Amino acid sequence: MGNVLNKYLVHTAIVLKGVRDPEGETILKDLVSISGFGNVNKVISGKYLGFIVDAKDDAEAVSYVREVCEKARIFNPTIHRLLILGVENA
């Protein structure tokens, strides 16, 4: 029973790191600030991806998804960051 696999949904986001974010800047300038939300300093845009994977626990699911994203080149580590947003049973 030690090798029982469960299904996990790993929530991820891919965001730009350190470079200009034209989409985020546009959202801030043309939508957020103009709507009167002056306390918002920056909007960071990104891409959401959810992966449903088989794993023995949530830590293994996260590790597996990181490996998939890196080896399949789903993001460019030179300009992007991969964020793990959360894990839940699928």
PDB file of N, CA and C in Angstrom:
ATOM      1  N   MET A   1       0.805  -1.189   0.000  1.00  0.00           N
ATOM      2  CA  MET A   1       0.000   0.000   0.000  1.00  0.00           C
ATOM      3  C   MET A   1       0.855   1.263   0.000  1.00  0.00           C
ATOM      4  N   GLY A   2       2.182   1.127   0.108  1.00  0.00           N
ATOM      5  CA  GLY A   2       3.061   2.278   0.148  1.00  0.00           C
ATOM      6  C   GLY A   2       3.208   2.990  -1.188  1.00  0.00           C
ATOM      7  N   ASN A   3       2.819   2.349  -2.283  1.00  0.00           N
ATOM      8  CA  ASN A   3       2.974   2.951  -3.601  1.00  0.00           C
ATOM      9  C   ASN A   3       1.645   3.449  -4.174  1.00  0.00           C
ATOM     10  N   VAL A   4       0.691   3.724  -3.315  1.00  0.00           N
ATOM     11  CA  VAL A   4      -0.606   4.207  -3.777  1.00  0.00           C
ATOM     12  C   VAL A   4      -0.441   5.642  -4.267  1.00  0.00           C
ATOM     13  N   LEU A   5      -0.917   5.892  -5.486  1.00  0.00           N
ATOM     14  CA  LEU A   5      -0.830   7.229  -6.065  1.00  0.00           C
ATOM     15  C   LEU A   5      -2.197   7.894  -6.021  1.00  0.00           C
ATOM     16  N   ASN A   6      -2.182   9.167  -5.712  1.00  0.00           N
ATOM     17  CA  ASN A   6      -3.390   9.977  -5.725  1.00  0.00           C
ATOM     18  C   ASN A   6      -3.266  11.017  -6.821  1.00  0.00           C
ATOM     19  N   LYS A   7      -4.384  11.603  -7.179  1.00  0.00           N
ATOM     20  CA  LYS A   7      -4.374  12.679  -8.177  1.00  0.00           C
ATOM     21  C   LYS A   7      -4.316  14.018  -7.447  1.00  0.00           C
ATOM     22  N   TYR A   8      -3.398  14.855  -7.897  1.00  0.00           N
ATOM     23  CA  TYR A   8      -3.237  16.193  -7.327  1.00  0.00           C
ATOM     24  C   TYR A   8      -3.328  17.229  -8.435  1.00  0.00           C
ATOM     25  N   LEU A   9      -3.954  18.346  -8.119  1.00  0.00           N
ATOM     26  CA  LEU A   9      -3.984  19.489  -9.015  1.00  0.00           C
ATOM     27  C   LEU A   9      -2.969  20.495  -8.488  1.00  0.00           C
ATOM     28  N   VAL A  10      -1.935  20.733  -9.284  1.00  0.00           N
ATOM     29  CA  VAL A  10      -0.897  21.693  -8.913  1.00  0.00           C
ATOM     30  C   VAL A  10      -1.145  22.966  -9.709  1.00  0.00           C
ATOM     31  N   HIS A  11      -1.391  24.058  -8.986  1.00  0.00           N
ATOM     32  CA  HIS A  11      -1.648  25.358  -9.601  1.00  0.00           C
ATOM     33  C   HIS A  11      -0.326  26.097  -9.759  1.00  0.00           C
ATOM     34  N   THR A  12      -0.047  26.575 -10.972  1.00  0.00           N
ATOM     35  CA  THR A  12       1.198  27.289 -11.217  1.00  0.00           C
ATOM     36  C   THR A  12       0.923  28.602 -11.953  1.00  0.00           C
ATOM     37  N   ALA A  13       1.890  29.493 -11.875  1.00  0.00           N
ATOM     38  CA  ALA A  13       1.864  30.722 -12.663  1.00  0.00           C
ATOM     39  C   ALA A  13       3.264  30.943 -13.215  1.00  0.00           C
ATOM     40  N   ILE A  14       3.318  31.467 -14.409  1.00  0.00           N
ATOM     41  CA  ILE A  14       4.590  31.826 -15.034  1.00  0.00           C
ATOM     42  C   ILE A  14       4.556  33.337 -15.216  1.00  0.00           C
ATOM     43  N   VAL A  15       5.524  34.027 -14.601  1.00  0.00           N
ATOM     44  CA  VAL A  15       5.574  35.488 -14.660  1.00  0.00           C
ATOM     45  C   VAL A  15       6.948  35.941 -15.115  1.00  0.00           C
ATOM     46  N   LEU A  16       6.982  37.132 -15.687  1.00  0.00           N
ATOM     47  CA  LEU A  16       8.252  37.721 -16.093  1.00  0.00           C
ATOM     48  C   LEU A  16       9.040  38.105 -14.848  1.00  0.00           C
ATOM     49  N   LYS A  17      10.363  37.981 -14.919  1.00  0.00           N
ATOM     50  CA  LYS A  17      11.167  38.415 -13.784  1.00  0.00           C
ATOM     51  C   LYS A  17      12.069  39.572 -14.200  1.00  0.00           C
ATOM     52  N   GLY A  18      11.989  40.631 -13.466  1.00  0.00           N
ATOM     53  CA  GLY A  18      12.899  41.746 -13.621  1.00  0.00           C
ATOM     54  C   GLY A  18      12.821  42.563 -14.896  1.00  0.00           C
ATOM     55  N   VAL A  19      12.047  42.157 -15.854  1.00  0.00           N
ATOM     56  CA  VAL A  19      11.955  42.911 -17.102  1.00  0.00           C
ATOM     57  C   VAL A  19      10.627  43.660 -17.129  1.00  0.00           C
ATOM     58  N   ARG A  20      10.495  44.575 -18.043  1.00  0.00           N
ATOM     59  CA  ARG A  20       9.230  45.301 -18.191  1.00  0.00           C
ATOM     60  C   ARG A  20       8.086  44.337 -18.442  1.00  0.00           C
ATOM     61  N   ASP A  21       6.933  44.712 -17.925  1.00  0.00           N
ATOM     62  CA  ASP A  21       5.725  43.923 -18.116  1.00  0.00           C
ATOM     63  C   ASP A  21       4.680  44.835 -18.755  1.00  0.00           C
ATOM     64  N   PRO A  22       4.709  44.978 -20.093  1.00  0.00           N
ATOM     65  CA  PRO A  22       3.792  45.900 -20.769  1.00  0.00           C
ATOM     66  C   PRO A  22       2.315  45.616 -20.474  1.00  0.00           C
ATOM     67  N   GLU A  23       1.946  44.358 -20.385  1.00  0.00           N
ATOM     68  CA  GLU A  23       0.544  44.032 -20.106  1.00  0.00           C
ATOM     69  C   GLU A  23       0.159  44.501 -18.702  1.00  0.00           C
ATOM     70  N   GLY A  24       1.007  44.238 -17.731  1.00  0.00           N
ATOM     71  CA  GLY A  24       0.744  44.688 -16.371  1.00  0.00           C
ATOM     72  C   GLY A  24       0.698  46.203 -16.271  1.00  0.00           C
ATOM     73  N   GLU A  25       1.610  46.879 -16.981  1.00  0.00           N
ATOM     74  CA  GLU A  25       1.631  48.343 -16.976  1.00  0.00           C
ATOM     75  C   GLU A  25       0.345  48.910 -17.564  1.00  0.00           C
ATOM     76  N   THR A  26      -0.140  48.311 -18.633  1.00  0.00           N
ATOM     77  CA  THR A  26      -1.376  48.770 -19.265  1.00  0.00           C
ATOM     78  C   THR A  26      -2.568  48.566 -18.345  1.00  0.00           C
ATOM     79  N   ILE A  27      -2.637  47.419 -17.698  1.00  0.00           N
ATOM     80  CA  ILE A  27      -3.741  47.152 -16.766  1.00  0.00           C
ATOM     81  C   ILE A  27      -3.716  48.163 -15.626  1.00  0.00           C
ATOM     82  N   LEU A  28      -2.527  48.456 -15.094  1.00  0.00           N
ATOM     83  CA  LEU A  28      -2.409  49.422 -14.005  1.00  0.00           C
ATOM     84  C   LEU A  28      -2.858  50.810 -14.455  1.00  0.00           C
ATOM     85  N   LYS A  29      -2.327  51.252 -15.595  1.00  0.00           N
ATOM     86  CA  LYS A  29      -2.586  52.616 -16.069  1.00  0.00           C
ATOM     87  C   LYS A  29      -4.019  52.797 -16.566  1.00  0.00           C
ATOM     88  N   ASP A  30      -4.480  51.886 -17.390  1.00  0.00           N
ATOM     89  CA  ASP A  30      -5.754  52.080 -18.086  1.00  0.00           C
ATOM     90  C   ASP A  30      -6.969  51.519 -17.350  1.00  0.00           C
ATOM     91  N   LEU A  31      -6.777  50.672 -16.371  1.00  0.00           N
ATOM     92  CA  LEU A  31      -7.926  50.090 -15.673  1.00  0.00           C
ATOM     93  C   LEU A  31      -7.919  50.369 -14.175  1.00  0.00           C
ATOM     94  N   VAL A  32      -6.834  50.022 -13.513  1.00  0.00           N
ATOM     95  CA  VAL A  32      -6.796  50.107 -12.057  1.00  0.00           C
ATOM     96  C   VAL A  32      -6.718  51.558 -11.583  1.00  0.00           C
ATOM     97  N   SER A  33      -5.709  52.293 -12.037  1.00  0.00           N
ATOM     98  CA  SER A  33      -5.524  53.683 -11.583  1.00  0.00           C
ATOM     99  C   SER A  33      -6.683  54.572 -11.979  1.00  0.00           C
ATOM    100  N   ILE A  34      -7.167  54.407 -13.210  1.00  0.00           N
ATOM    101  CA  ILE A  34      -8.263  55.235 -13.697  1.00  0.00           C
ATOM    102  C   ILE A  34      -9.558  54.959 -12.932  1.00  0.00           C
ATOM    103  N   SER A  35      -9.641  53.791 -12.302  1.00  0.00           N
ATOM    104  CA  SER A  35     -10.823  53.438 -11.514  1.00  0.00           C
ATOM    105  C   SER A  35     -10.714  53.943 -10.077  1.00  0.00           C
ATOM    106  N   GLY A  36      -9.625  54.656  -9.775  1.00  0.00           N
ATOM    107  CA  GLY A  36      -9.482  55.267  -8.466  1.00  0.00           C
ATOM    108  C   GLY A  36      -8.764  54.440  -7.417  1.00  0.00           C
ATOM    109  N   PHE A  37      -8.127  53.368  -7.819  1.00  0.00           N
ATOM    110  CA  PHE A  37      -7.399  52.528  -6.866  1.00  0.00           C
ATOM    111  C   PHE A  37      -5.939  52.975  -6.814  1.00  0.00           C
ATOM    112  N   GLY A  38      -5.695  54.083  -6.142  1.00  0.00           N
ATOM    113  CA  GLY A  38      -4.378  54.700  -6.120  1.00  0.00           C
ATOM    114  C   GLY A  38      -3.333  53.980  -5.286  1.00  0.00           C
ATOM    115  N   ASN A  39      -3.743  53.058  -4.442  1.00  0.00           N
ATOM    116  CA  ASN A  39      -2.782  52.346  -3.602  1.00  0.00           C
ATOM    117  C   ASN A  39      -2.119  51.167  -4.313  1.00  0.00           C
ATOM    118  N   VAL A  40      -2.537  50.865  -5.529  1.00  0.00           N
ATOM    119  CA  VAL A  40      -1.904  49.791  -6.306  1.00  0.00           C
ATOM    120  C   VAL A  40      -0.683  50.378  -7.001  1.00  0.00           C
ATOM    121  N   ASN A  41       0.489  49.837  -6.704  1.00  0.00           N
ATOM    122  CA  ASN A  41       1.746  50.348  -7.247  1.00  0.00           C
ATOM    123  C   ASN A  41       2.182  49.661  -8.525  1.00  0.00           C
ATOM    124  N   LYS A  42       1.833  48.390  -8.662  1.00  0.00           N
ATOM    125  CA  LYS A  42       2.292  47.630  -9.821  1.00  0.00           C
ATOM    126  C   LYS A  42       1.344  46.466 -10.039  1.00  0.00           C
ATOM    127  N   VAL A  43       1.123  46.111 -11.291  1.00  0.00           N
ATOM    128  CA  VAL A  43       0.366  44.913 -11.651  1.00  0.00           C
ATOM    129  C   VAL A  43       1.320  44.002 -12.407  1.00  0.00           C
ATOM    130  N   ILE A  44       1.377  42.759 -11.990  1.00  0.00           N
ATOM    131  CA  ILE A  44       2.247  41.773 -12.628  1.00  0.00           C
ATOM    132  C   ILE A  44       1.354  40.775 -13.355  1.00  0.00           C
ATOM    133  N   SER A  45       1.506  40.693 -14.659  1.00  0.00           N
ATOM    134  CA  SER A  45       0.699  39.747 -15.428  1.00  0.00           C
ATOM    135  C   SER A  45       1.450  38.426 -15.533  1.00  0.00           C
ATOM    136  N   GLY A  46       0.725  37.392 -15.864  1.00  0.00           N
ATOM    137  CA  GLY A  46       1.351  36.087 -15.998  1.00  0.00           C
ATOM    138  C   GLY A  46       0.410  35.111 -16.668  1.00  0.00           C
ATOM    139  N   LYS A  47       0.856  33.873 -16.699  1.00  0.00           N
ATOM    140  CA  LYS A  47       0.075  32.806 -17.312  1.00  0.00           C
ATOM    141  C   LYS A  47      -0.181  31.749 -16.247  1.00  0.00           C
ATOM    142  N   TYR A  48      -1.447  31.348 -16.099  1.00  0.00           N
ATOM    143  CA  TYR A  48      -1.812  30.293 -15.158  1.00  0.00           C
ATOM    144  C   TYR A  48      -1.837  28.950 -15.886  1.00  0.00           C
ATOM    145  N   LEU A  49      -1.282  27.936 -15.243  1.00  0.00           N
ATOM    146  CA  LEU A  49      -1.371  26.563 -15.738  1.00  0.00           C
ATOM    147  C   LEU A  49      -1.697  25.657 -14.557  1.00  0.00           C
ATOM    148  N   GLY A  50      -2.646  24.766 -14.740  1.00  0.00           N
ATOM    149  CA  GLY A  50      -2.960  23.760 -13.735  1.00  0.00           C
ATOM    150  C   GLY A  50      -2.587  22.388 -14.274  1.00  0.00           C
ATOM    151  N   PHE A  51      -1.912  21.605 -13.459  1.00  0.00           N
ATOM    152  CA  PHE A  51      -1.479  20.254 -13.854  1.00  0.00           C
ATOM    153  C   PHE A  51      -2.124  19.244 -12.910  1.00  0.00           C
ATOM    154  N   ILE A  52      -2.840  18.280 -13.455  1.00  0.00           N
ATOM    155  CA  ILE A  52      -3.347  17.171 -12.649  1.00  0.00           C
ATOM    156  C   ILE A  52      -2.388  16.011 -12.856  1.00  0.00           C
ATOM    157  N   VAL A  53      -1.771  15.582 -11.749  1.00  0.00           N
ATOM    158  CA  VAL A  53      -0.730  14.552 -11.825  1.00  0.00           C
ATOM    159  C   VAL A  53      -0.994  13.469 -10.790  1.00  0.00           C
ATOM    160  N   ASP A  54      -0.434  12.301 -11.046  1.00  0.00           N
ATOM    161  CA  ASP A  54      -0.455  11.200 -10.088  1.00  0.00           C
ATOM    162  C   ASP A  54       0.805  11.278  -9.243  1.00  0.00           C
ATOM    163  N   ALA A  55       0.657  11.229  -7.921  1.00  0.00           N
ATOM    164  CA  ALA A  55       1.808  11.282  -7.019  1.00  0.00           C
ATOM    165  C   ALA A  55       1.409  10.677  -5.683  1.00  0.00           C
ATOM    166  N   LYS A  56       2.401  10.341  -4.860  1.00  0.00           N
ATOM    167  CA  LYS A  56       2.096   9.751  -3.554  1.00  0.00           C
ATOM    168  C   LYS A  56       1.717  10.806  -2.520  1.00  0.00           C
ATOM    169  N   ASP A  57       2.171  12.060  -2.722  1.00  0.00           N
ATOM    170  CA  ASP A  57       1.788  13.147  -1.817  1.00  0.00           C
ATOM    171  C   ASP A  57       1.952  14.485  -2.539  1.00  0.00           C
ATOM    172  N   ASP A  58       1.546  15.566  -1.870  1.00  0.00           N
ATOM    173  CA  ASP A  58       1.584  16.873  -2.526  1.00  0.00           C
ATOM    174  C   ASP A  58       3.009  17.344  -2.820  1.00  0.00           C
ATOM    175  N   ALA A  59       3.964  17.006  -1.967  1.00  0.00           N
ATOM    176  CA  ALA A  59       5.354  17.407  -2.212  1.00  0.00           C
ATOM    177  C   ALA A  59       5.893  16.749  -3.491  1.00  0.00           C
ATOM    178  N   GLU A  60       5.578  15.475  -3.674  1.00  0.00           N
ATOM    179  CA  GLU A  60       6.008  14.780  -4.885  1.00  0.00           C
ATOM    180  C   GLU A  60       5.319  15.372  -6.114  1.00  0.00           C
ATOM    181  N   ALA A  61       4.055  15.744  -5.979  1.00  0.00           N
ATOM    182  CA  ALA A  61       3.322  16.348  -7.098  1.00  0.00           C
ATOM    183  C   ALA A  61       3.970  17.657  -7.523  1.00  0.00           C
ATOM    184  N   VAL A  62       4.330  18.495  -6.560  1.00  0.00           N
ATOM    185  CA  VAL A  62       4.982  19.778  -6.861  1.00  0.00           C
ATOM    186  C   VAL A  62       6.330  19.540  -7.526  1.00  0.00           C
ATOM    187  N   SER A  63       7.109  18.643  -6.979  1.00  0.00           N
ATOM    188  CA  SER A  63       8.428  18.338  -7.545  1.00  0.00           C
ATOM    189  C   SER A  63       8.297  17.840  -8.977  1.00  0.00           C
ATOM    190  N   TYR A  64       7.327  16.985  -9.223  1.00  0.00           N
ATOM    191  CA  TYR A  64       7.121  16.439 -10.561  1.00  0.00           C
ATOM    192  C   TYR A  64       6.725  17.537 -11.546  1.00  0.00           C
ATOM    193  N   VAL A  65       5.820  18.422 -11.135  1.00  0.00           N
ATOM    194  CA  VAL A  65       5.384  19.506 -12.013  1.00  0.00           C
ATOM    195  C   VAL A  65       6.544  20.452 -12.321  1.00  0.00           C
ATOM    196  N   ARG A  66       7.366  20.767 -11.316  1.00  0.00           N
ATOM    197  CA  ARG A  66       8.562  21.590 -11.572  1.00  0.00           C
ATOM    198  C   ARG A  66       9.445  20.943 -12.636  1.00  0.00           C
ATOM    199  N   GLU A  67       9.661  19.641 -12.494  1.00  0.00           N
ATOM    200  CA  GLU A  67      10.493  18.910 -13.459  1.00  0.00           C
ATOM    201  C   GLU A  67       9.873  18.948 -14.855  1.00  0.00           C
ATOM    202  N   VAL A  68       8.577  18.739 -14.945  1.00  0.00           N
ATOM    203  CA  VAL A  68       7.884  18.800 -16.236  1.00  0.00           C
ATOM    204  C   VAL A  68       8.084  20.169 -16.877  1.00  0.00           C
ATOM    205  N   CYS A  69       7.860  21.218 -16.104  1.00  0.00           N
ATOM    206  CA  CYS A  69       7.957  22.582 -16.637  1.00  0.00           C
ATOM    207  C   CYS A  69       9.374  22.922 -17.086  1.00  0.00           C
ATOM    208  N   GLU A  70      10.365  22.471 -16.317  1.00  0.00           N
ATOM    209  CA  GLU A  70      11.751  22.762 -16.676  1.00  0.00           C
ATOM    210  C   GLU A  70      12.215  21.937 -17.881  1.00  0.00           C
ATOM    211  N   LYS A  71      11.971  20.637 -17.846  1.00  0.00           N
ATOM    212  CA  LYS A  71      12.483  19.762 -18.909  1.00  0.00           C
ATOM    213  C   LYS A  71      11.709  19.903 -20.213  1.00  0.00           C
ATOM    214  N   ALA A  72      10.409  20.209 -20.132  1.00  0.00           N
ATOM    215  CA  ALA A  72       9.613  20.399 -21.350  1.00  0.00           C
ATOM    216  C   ALA A  72       9.718  21.841 -21.856  1.00  0.00           C
ATOM    217  N   ARG A  73      10.469  22.675 -21.127  1.00  0.00           N
ATOM    218  CA  ARG A  73      10.698  24.084 -21.502  1.00  0.00           C
ATOM    219  C   ARG A  73       9.376  24.835 -21.662  1.00  0.00           C
ATOM    220  N   ILE A  74       8.496  24.635 -20.682  1.00  0.00           N
ATOM    221  CA  ILE A  74       7.213  25.332 -20.685  1.00  0.00           C
ATOM    222  C   ILE A  74       7.407  26.814 -20.397  1.00  0.00           C
ATOM    223  N   PHE A  75       8.516  27.148 -19.751  1.00  0.00           N
ATOM    224  CA  PHE A  75       8.857  28.540 -19.509  1.00  0.00           C
ATOM    225  C   PHE A  75      10.350  28.726 -19.756  1.00  0.00           C
ATOM    226  N   ASN A  76      10.751  29.970 -19.962  1.00  0.00           N
ATOM    227  CA  ASN A  76      12.154  30.296 -20.189  1.00  0.00           C
ATOM    228  C   ASN A  76      12.731  30.822 -18.877  1.00  0.00           C
ATOM    229  N   PRO A  77      13.564  30.037 -18.189  1.00  0.00           N
ATOM    230  CA  PRO A  77      14.067  30.451 -16.875  1.00  0.00           C
ATOM    231  C   PRO A  77      14.936  31.707 -16.908  1.00  0.00           C
ATOM    232  N   THR A  78      15.374  32.113 -18.082  1.00  0.00           N
ATOM    233  CA  THR A  78      16.161  33.342 -18.186  1.00  0.00           C
ATOM    234  C   THR A  78      15.295  34.567 -17.925  1.00  0.00           C
ATOM    235  N   ILE A  79      14.040  34.527 -18.386  1.00  0.00           N
ATOM    236  CA  ILE A  79      13.178  35.707 -18.242  1.00  0.00           C
ATOM    237  C   ILE A  79      11.909  35.461 -17.428  1.00  0.00           C
ATOM    238  N   HIS A  80      11.628  34.202 -17.091  1.00  0.00           N
ATOM    239  CA  HIS A  80      10.405  33.877 -16.357  1.00  0.00           C
ATOM    240  C   HIS A  80      10.715  33.248 -15.008  1.00  0.00           C
ATOM    241  N   ARG A  81       9.738  33.361 -14.120  1.00  0.00           N
ATOM    242  CA  ARG A  81       9.760  32.622 -12.855  1.00  0.00           C
ATOM    243  C   ARG A  81       8.566  31.690 -12.851  1.00  0.00           C
ATOM    244  N   LEU A  82       8.771  30.491 -12.358  1.00  0.00           N
ATOM    245  CA  LEU A  82       7.682  29.538 -12.169  1.00  0.00           C
ATOM    246  C   LEU A  82       7.257  29.623 -10.712  1.00  0.00           C
ATOM    247  N   LEU A  83       6.001  29.962 -10.483  1.00  0.00           N
ATOM    248  CA  LEU A  83       5.474  30.050  -9.132  1.00  0.00           C
ATOM    249  C   LEU A  83       4.512  28.890  -8.892  1.00  0.00           C
ATOM    250  N   ILE A  84       4.671  28.210  -7.785  1.00  0.00           N
ATOM    251  CA  ILE A  84       3.718  27.188  -7.387  1.00  0.00           C
ATOM    252  C   ILE A  84       2.705  27.885  -6.478  1.00  0.00           C
ATOM    253  N   LEU A  85       1.477  27.954  -6.922  1.00  0.00           N
ATOM    254  CA  LEU A  85       0.440  28.698  -6.206  1.00  0.00           C
ATOM    255  C   LEU A  85      -0.269  27.859  -5.155  1.00  0.00           C
ATOM    256  N   GLY A  86      -0.290  26.566  -5.367  1.00  0.00           N
ATOM    257  CA  GLY A  86      -0.966  25.687  -4.419  1.00  0.00           C
ATOM    258  C   GLY A  86      -1.180  24.303  -4.990  1.00  0.00           C
ATOM    259  N   VAL A  87      -1.585  23.410  -4.113  1.00  0.00           N
ATOM    260  CA  VAL A  87      -1.832  22.020  -4.491  1.00  0.00           C
ATOM    261  C   VAL A  87      -3.114  21.570  -3.794  1.00  0.00           C
ATOM    262  N   GLU A  88      -3.915  20.795  -4.502  1.00  0.00           N
ATOM    263  CA  GLU A  88      -5.109  20.233  -3.888  1.00  0.00           C
ATOM    264  C   GLU A  88      -5.379  18.863  -4.491  1.00  0.00           C
ATOM    265  N   ASN A  89      -6.151  18.080  -3.779  1.00  0.00           N
ATOM    266  CA  ASN A  89      -6.559  16.795  -4.322  1.00  0.00           C
ATOM    267  C   ASN A  89      -7.453  17.023  -5.525  1.00  0.00           C
ATOM    268  N   ALA A  90      -7.229  16.248  -6.564  1.00  0.00           N
ATOM    269  CA  ALA A  90      -8.012  16.421  -7.794  1.00  0.00           C
ATOM    270  C   ALA A  90      -9.100  15.356  -7.872  1.00  0.00           C
TER     271      ALA A  90
END
